[in-house]
N, C-alpha and C. Protein backbone atom coordinates (compact mmCIF):
# COMPACT_ATOMS: atom_id res chain seq x y z
N MET A 1 -111.18 200.47 -18.55
CA MET A 1 -111.66 201.14 -17.37
C MET A 1 -112.75 200.28 -16.71
N PRO A 2 -112.47 199.71 -15.57
CA PRO A 2 -113.45 198.85 -14.89
C PRO A 2 -114.74 199.60 -14.57
N GLY A 3 -115.86 198.94 -14.82
CA GLY A 3 -117.15 199.51 -14.50
C GLY A 3 -117.79 200.29 -15.63
N LEU A 4 -117.09 200.44 -16.74
CA LEU A 4 -117.64 201.23 -17.85
C LEU A 4 -118.87 200.56 -18.46
N TYR A 5 -118.85 199.24 -18.54
CA TYR A 5 -119.99 198.52 -19.11
C TYR A 5 -121.22 198.68 -18.21
N LEU A 6 -121.03 198.56 -16.91
CA LEU A 6 -122.14 198.75 -15.97
C LEU A 6 -122.67 200.18 -16.06
N LEU A 7 -121.79 201.14 -16.16
CA LEU A 7 -122.20 202.54 -16.30
C LEU A 7 -123.01 202.74 -17.58
N ALA A 8 -122.56 202.13 -18.68
CA ALA A 8 -123.28 202.24 -19.94
C ALA A 8 -124.68 201.62 -19.83
N LEU A 9 -124.78 200.49 -19.14
CA LEU A 9 -126.08 199.86 -18.94
C LEU A 9 -127.02 200.76 -18.13
N LEU A 10 -126.49 201.32 -17.06
CA LEU A 10 -127.32 202.18 -16.20
C LEU A 10 -127.74 203.47 -16.91
N LEU A 11 -126.84 204.04 -17.70
CA LEU A 11 -127.19 205.24 -18.46
C LEU A 11 -128.23 204.92 -19.53
N SER A 12 -128.09 203.77 -20.17
CA SER A 12 -129.07 203.35 -21.17
C SER A 12 -130.43 203.12 -20.53
N ALA A 13 -130.43 202.47 -19.38
CA ALA A 13 -131.69 202.24 -18.66
C ALA A 13 -132.32 203.56 -18.25
N ALA A 14 -131.52 204.53 -17.86
CA ALA A 14 -132.04 205.85 -17.49
C ALA A 14 -132.67 206.52 -18.71
N GLY A 15 -132.06 206.37 -19.86
CA GLY A 15 -132.63 206.93 -21.08
C GLY A 15 -133.96 206.30 -21.44
N VAL A 16 -134.03 204.97 -21.33
CA VAL A 16 -135.29 204.27 -21.61
C VAL A 16 -136.35 204.67 -20.58
N ALA A 17 -135.95 204.80 -19.33
CA ALA A 17 -136.89 205.22 -18.29
C ALA A 17 -137.41 206.63 -18.55
N ALA A 18 -136.54 207.51 -19.04
CA ALA A 18 -136.98 208.88 -19.35
C ALA A 18 -138.03 208.86 -20.46
N LEU A 19 -137.81 208.05 -21.48
CA LEU A 19 -138.80 207.93 -22.56
C LEU A 19 -140.09 207.30 -22.04
N ASP A 20 -139.93 206.31 -21.17
CA ASP A 20 -141.09 205.64 -20.58
C ASP A 20 -141.95 206.63 -19.81
N VAL A 21 -141.33 207.45 -18.99
CA VAL A 21 -142.08 208.42 -18.19
C VAL A 21 -142.66 209.51 -19.09
N ARG A 22 -141.87 209.99 -20.04
CA ARG A 22 -142.32 211.08 -20.91
C ARG A 22 -143.57 210.68 -21.70
N PHE A 23 -143.58 209.46 -22.22
CA PHE A 23 -144.71 209.03 -23.05
C PHE A 23 -145.69 208.13 -22.31
N ARG A 24 -145.49 207.98 -21.00
CA ARG A 24 -146.38 207.18 -20.14
C ARG A 24 -146.66 205.82 -20.77
N LEU A 25 -145.59 205.03 -20.93
CA LEU A 25 -145.70 203.75 -21.63
C LEU A 25 -145.93 202.57 -20.69
N VAL A 26 -145.06 202.40 -19.69
CA VAL A 26 -145.12 201.19 -18.87
C VAL A 26 -145.18 201.52 -17.37
N MET A 27 -144.10 201.98 -16.82
CA MET A 27 -144.00 202.20 -15.37
C MET A 27 -145.02 203.22 -14.85
N PRO A 28 -145.22 204.36 -15.52
CA PRO A 28 -146.20 205.31 -14.99
C PRO A 28 -147.64 204.78 -15.03
N VAL A 29 -147.90 203.84 -15.93
CA VAL A 29 -149.27 203.34 -16.10
C VAL A 29 -149.57 202.23 -15.10
N GLN A 30 -148.73 201.20 -15.06
CA GLN A 30 -148.92 200.08 -14.15
C GLN A 30 -147.57 199.64 -13.59
N PRO A 31 -147.05 200.36 -12.60
CA PRO A 31 -145.70 200.09 -12.11
C PRO A 31 -145.51 198.69 -11.51
N LEU A 32 -146.48 198.22 -10.74
CA LEU A 32 -146.33 196.91 -10.12
C LEU A 32 -146.27 195.81 -11.17
N ARG A 33 -147.17 195.87 -12.14
CA ARG A 33 -147.20 194.87 -13.20
C ARG A 33 -145.89 194.91 -14.01
N ALA A 34 -145.39 196.10 -14.28
CA ALA A 34 -144.15 196.24 -15.03
C ALA A 34 -142.96 195.68 -14.24
N LEU A 35 -142.88 196.00 -12.96
CA LEU A 35 -141.79 195.48 -12.13
C LEU A 35 -141.83 193.96 -12.03
N VAL A 36 -143.02 193.41 -11.89
CA VAL A 36 -143.15 191.94 -11.83
C VAL A 36 -142.71 191.32 -13.15
N ALA A 37 -143.11 191.91 -14.25
CA ALA A 37 -142.72 191.38 -15.57
C ALA A 37 -141.20 191.42 -15.75
N VAL A 38 -140.58 192.53 -15.37
CA VAL A 38 -139.13 192.65 -15.48
C VAL A 38 -138.45 191.64 -14.55
N ALA A 39 -138.95 191.49 -13.35
CA ALA A 39 -138.36 190.53 -12.40
C ALA A 39 -138.48 189.10 -12.89
N ILE A 40 -139.65 188.73 -13.40
CA ILE A 40 -139.84 187.36 -13.90
C ILE A 40 -138.92 187.11 -15.09
N GLY A 41 -138.86 188.06 -16.00
CA GLY A 41 -137.98 187.91 -17.15
C GLY A 41 -136.52 187.80 -16.76
N THR A 42 -136.11 188.63 -15.82
CA THR A 42 -134.71 188.61 -15.37
C THR A 42 -134.37 187.28 -14.71
N VAL A 43 -135.25 186.81 -13.83
CA VAL A 43 -135.00 185.52 -13.16
C VAL A 43 -134.94 184.39 -14.19
N PHE A 44 -135.85 184.42 -15.16
CA PHE A 44 -135.83 183.39 -16.21
C PHE A 44 -134.51 183.39 -16.97
N PHE A 45 -134.05 184.57 -17.39
CA PHE A 45 -132.83 184.62 -18.19
C PHE A 45 -131.58 184.36 -17.35
N VAL A 46 -131.58 184.71 -16.08
CA VAL A 46 -130.45 184.35 -15.22
C VAL A 46 -130.40 182.83 -15.05
N ALA A 47 -131.56 182.21 -14.87
CA ALA A 47 -131.61 180.74 -14.79
C ALA A 47 -131.10 180.13 -16.09
N TRP A 48 -131.51 180.71 -17.20
CA TRP A 48 -131.06 180.25 -18.52
C TRP A 48 -129.53 180.35 -18.59
N ASP A 49 -128.98 181.47 -18.14
CA ASP A 49 -127.53 181.64 -18.13
C ASP A 49 -126.85 180.60 -17.25
N LEU A 50 -127.42 180.33 -16.08
CA LEU A 50 -126.82 179.35 -15.18
C LEU A 50 -126.80 177.96 -15.79
N VAL A 51 -127.88 177.61 -16.51
CA VAL A 51 -127.90 176.32 -17.20
C VAL A 51 -126.84 176.30 -18.29
N GLY A 52 -126.72 177.38 -19.03
CA GLY A 52 -125.70 177.47 -20.07
C GLY A 52 -124.29 177.43 -19.50
N ILE A 53 -124.08 178.05 -18.37
CA ILE A 53 -122.77 178.01 -17.71
C ILE A 53 -122.46 176.59 -17.26
N ALA A 54 -123.45 175.93 -16.65
CA ALA A 54 -123.23 174.55 -16.18
C ALA A 54 -122.94 173.61 -17.34
N ALA A 55 -123.55 173.88 -18.50
CA ALA A 55 -123.33 173.03 -19.67
C ALA A 55 -122.04 173.39 -20.40
N GLY A 56 -121.40 174.46 -19.97
CA GLY A 56 -120.15 174.86 -20.61
C GLY A 56 -120.35 175.69 -21.88
N VAL A 57 -121.58 176.10 -22.13
CA VAL A 57 -121.87 176.89 -23.32
C VAL A 57 -121.47 178.35 -23.11
N PHE A 58 -121.78 178.89 -21.93
CA PHE A 58 -121.45 180.28 -21.62
C PHE A 58 -120.23 180.32 -20.72
N VAL A 59 -119.28 181.15 -21.08
CA VAL A 59 -118.11 181.39 -20.25
C VAL A 59 -117.89 182.89 -20.16
N ARG A 60 -117.31 183.30 -19.08
CA ARG A 60 -117.04 184.72 -18.88
C ARG A 60 -115.74 185.07 -19.57
N GLY A 61 -115.81 186.03 -20.46
CA GLY A 61 -114.59 186.51 -21.09
C GLY A 61 -113.93 187.55 -20.22
N ASP A 62 -112.68 187.79 -20.46
CA ASP A 62 -111.98 188.82 -19.71
C ASP A 62 -112.11 190.14 -20.46
N SER A 63 -112.60 191.13 -19.76
CA SER A 63 -112.75 192.45 -20.35
C SER A 63 -112.37 193.49 -19.31
N PRO A 64 -111.61 194.49 -19.72
CA PRO A 64 -111.28 195.55 -18.77
C PRO A 64 -112.48 196.45 -18.44
N LEU A 65 -113.60 196.26 -19.15
CA LEU A 65 -114.78 197.08 -18.91
C LEU A 65 -115.66 196.55 -17.78
N LEU A 66 -115.46 195.30 -17.40
CA LEU A 66 -116.24 194.69 -16.31
C LEU A 66 -115.62 195.06 -14.96
N LEU A 67 -116.46 195.06 -13.93
CA LEU A 67 -115.96 195.36 -12.58
C LEU A 67 -115.07 194.25 -12.04
N GLY A 68 -115.33 193.03 -12.48
CA GLY A 68 -114.56 191.90 -11.98
C GLY A 68 -115.22 191.20 -10.81
N ILE A 69 -116.46 191.54 -10.54
CA ILE A 69 -117.22 190.91 -9.46
C ILE A 69 -118.10 189.84 -10.07
N ASP A 70 -117.92 188.60 -9.62
CA ASP A 70 -118.72 187.49 -10.12
C ASP A 70 -119.75 187.08 -9.07
N LEU A 71 -121.00 186.94 -9.50
CA LEU A 71 -122.06 186.47 -8.60
C LEU A 71 -122.01 184.95 -8.48
N ALA A 72 -121.51 184.31 -9.51
CA ALA A 72 -121.29 182.86 -9.58
C ALA A 72 -120.18 182.68 -10.60
N PRO A 73 -119.60 181.49 -10.68
CA PRO A 73 -118.57 181.30 -11.70
C PRO A 73 -119.12 181.63 -13.10
N HIS A 74 -118.40 182.47 -13.82
CA HIS A 74 -118.75 182.90 -15.17
C HIS A 74 -120.01 183.74 -15.24
N LEU A 75 -120.47 184.28 -14.11
CA LEU A 75 -121.66 185.15 -14.09
C LEU A 75 -121.26 186.49 -13.47
N PRO A 76 -120.86 187.44 -14.31
CA PRO A 76 -120.45 188.74 -13.77
C PRO A 76 -121.63 189.54 -13.24
N LEU A 77 -121.36 190.46 -12.37
CA LEU A 77 -122.38 191.33 -11.78
C LEU A 77 -123.20 192.03 -12.85
N GLU A 78 -122.57 192.37 -13.95
CA GLU A 78 -123.25 193.12 -14.99
C GLU A 78 -124.32 192.31 -15.72
N GLU A 79 -124.25 190.99 -15.69
CA GLU A 79 -125.19 190.16 -16.45
C GLU A 79 -126.64 190.32 -16.01
N PRO A 80 -126.97 190.20 -14.71
CA PRO A 80 -128.36 190.42 -14.32
C PRO A 80 -128.84 191.85 -14.59
N VAL A 81 -127.93 192.81 -14.49
CA VAL A 81 -128.29 194.20 -14.80
C VAL A 81 -128.65 194.31 -16.28
N PHE A 82 -127.85 193.69 -17.13
CA PHE A 82 -128.14 193.68 -18.56
C PHE A 82 -129.47 192.99 -18.85
N LEU A 83 -129.71 191.87 -18.20
CA LEU A 83 -130.95 191.13 -18.45
C LEU A 83 -132.18 191.91 -17.99
N ALA A 84 -132.07 192.59 -16.86
CA ALA A 84 -133.18 193.44 -16.40
C ALA A 84 -133.41 194.58 -17.39
N PHE A 85 -132.33 195.18 -17.87
CA PHE A 85 -132.45 196.24 -18.87
C PHE A 85 -133.10 195.71 -20.13
N LEU A 86 -132.71 194.53 -20.56
CA LEU A 86 -133.29 193.92 -21.77
C LEU A 86 -134.80 193.70 -21.61
N CYS A 87 -135.21 193.20 -20.47
CA CYS A 87 -136.64 192.97 -20.22
C CYS A 87 -137.40 194.29 -20.16
N TYR A 88 -136.85 195.28 -19.51
CA TYR A 88 -137.50 196.59 -19.42
C TYR A 88 -137.61 197.23 -20.81
N LEU A 89 -136.53 197.16 -21.57
CA LEU A 89 -136.53 197.71 -22.92
C LEU A 89 -137.59 197.03 -23.79
N ALA A 90 -137.71 195.72 -23.66
CA ALA A 90 -138.72 194.99 -24.43
C ALA A 90 -140.13 195.45 -24.05
N LEU A 91 -140.38 195.67 -22.77
CA LEU A 91 -141.70 196.16 -22.34
C LEU A 91 -141.99 197.55 -22.91
N VAL A 92 -141.02 198.42 -22.85
CA VAL A 92 -141.21 199.79 -23.33
C VAL A 92 -141.42 199.78 -24.84
N LEU A 93 -140.64 198.99 -25.57
CA LEU A 93 -140.81 198.92 -27.02
C LEU A 93 -142.17 198.33 -27.40
N HIS A 94 -142.60 197.33 -26.66
CA HIS A 94 -143.91 196.73 -26.93
C HIS A 94 -145.03 197.76 -26.69
N ALA A 95 -144.93 198.49 -25.60
CA ALA A 95 -145.95 199.51 -25.30
C ALA A 95 -145.93 200.61 -26.35
N ALA A 96 -144.75 201.00 -26.80
CA ALA A 96 -144.64 202.04 -27.83
C ALA A 96 -145.21 201.54 -29.16
N ALA A 97 -144.89 200.31 -29.52
CA ALA A 97 -145.40 199.74 -30.77
C ALA A 97 -146.92 199.61 -30.74
N ALA A 98 -147.47 199.31 -29.59
CA ALA A 98 -148.93 199.18 -29.47
C ALA A 98 -149.63 200.51 -29.71
N ARG A 99 -148.92 201.60 -29.53
CA ARG A 99 -149.51 202.92 -29.75
C ARG A 99 -149.41 203.40 -31.19
N LEU A 100 -148.61 202.73 -31.99
CA LEU A 100 -148.47 203.17 -33.38
C LEU A 100 -149.81 203.04 -34.09
N PRO A 101 -150.12 203.99 -34.95
CA PRO A 101 -151.39 203.88 -35.67
C PRO A 101 -151.35 202.68 -36.60
N ARG A 102 -152.44 201.97 -36.63
CA ARG A 102 -152.53 200.80 -37.51
C ARG A 102 -153.01 201.25 -38.87
N ARG A 103 -152.34 200.74 -39.89
CA ARG A 103 -152.74 201.06 -41.25
C ARG A 103 -153.85 200.13 -41.68
N ARG A 104 -154.85 200.72 -42.23
CA ARG A 104 -155.95 199.91 -42.76
C ARG A 104 -155.69 199.70 -44.24
N PRO A 105 -156.08 198.54 -44.74
CA PRO A 105 -155.89 198.32 -46.18
C PRO A 105 -156.69 199.36 -46.95
N SER A 106 -156.06 199.84 -48.02
CA SER A 106 -156.77 200.85 -48.80
C SER A 106 -157.91 200.20 -49.57
N ARG A 107 -158.94 200.95 -49.78
CA ARG A 107 -160.11 200.41 -50.45
C ARG A 107 -160.21 200.98 -51.86
N LYS A 108 -159.06 201.16 -52.48
CA LYS A 108 -159.05 201.67 -53.86
C LYS A 108 -159.73 200.64 -54.77
N GLY A 109 -160.49 201.12 -55.65
CA GLY A 109 -161.13 200.23 -56.60
C GLY A 109 -162.44 199.66 -56.10
N ALA A 110 -162.74 199.90 -54.81
CA ALA A 110 -164.01 199.41 -54.28
C ALA A 110 -165.12 200.36 -54.71
N ALA A 111 -166.18 199.81 -55.17
CA ALA A 111 -167.26 200.67 -55.66
C ALA A 111 -168.35 200.84 -54.65
C-alpha cells in the first residue's frame, strides 16, 4: 500500500509530539531552539545521504510502502521526513533522560 511508511512516520511523530507536550520536554519549553536543532540535524543527515548516494553506498530499494516520489535519485520523499523524526525523537529522549533522577552512590559503611 503506497504511503504506508510515510503514514507510520507521521503517526509516530504525532505520538512523540503528544508525549513532548504532555511532559513539557522540548517544543513547549523552547520551540524556536527545538525547531532549529531539528532543521540543522535534518539538513546534516540529508547531506550525508546525498554524499552516500553519490558514492554509491546508498541506493533506493523498491518497496510498495513508499509513495514513489523521489526528491533526487535514490532519495525518496520519506527520507527527510524520517530524518526529521529521528532528530526530534533524539531531542525528546535527551530531555526526558535529563529529568530522570540521578542516583547517588550509597554511603554504606561510611562512619
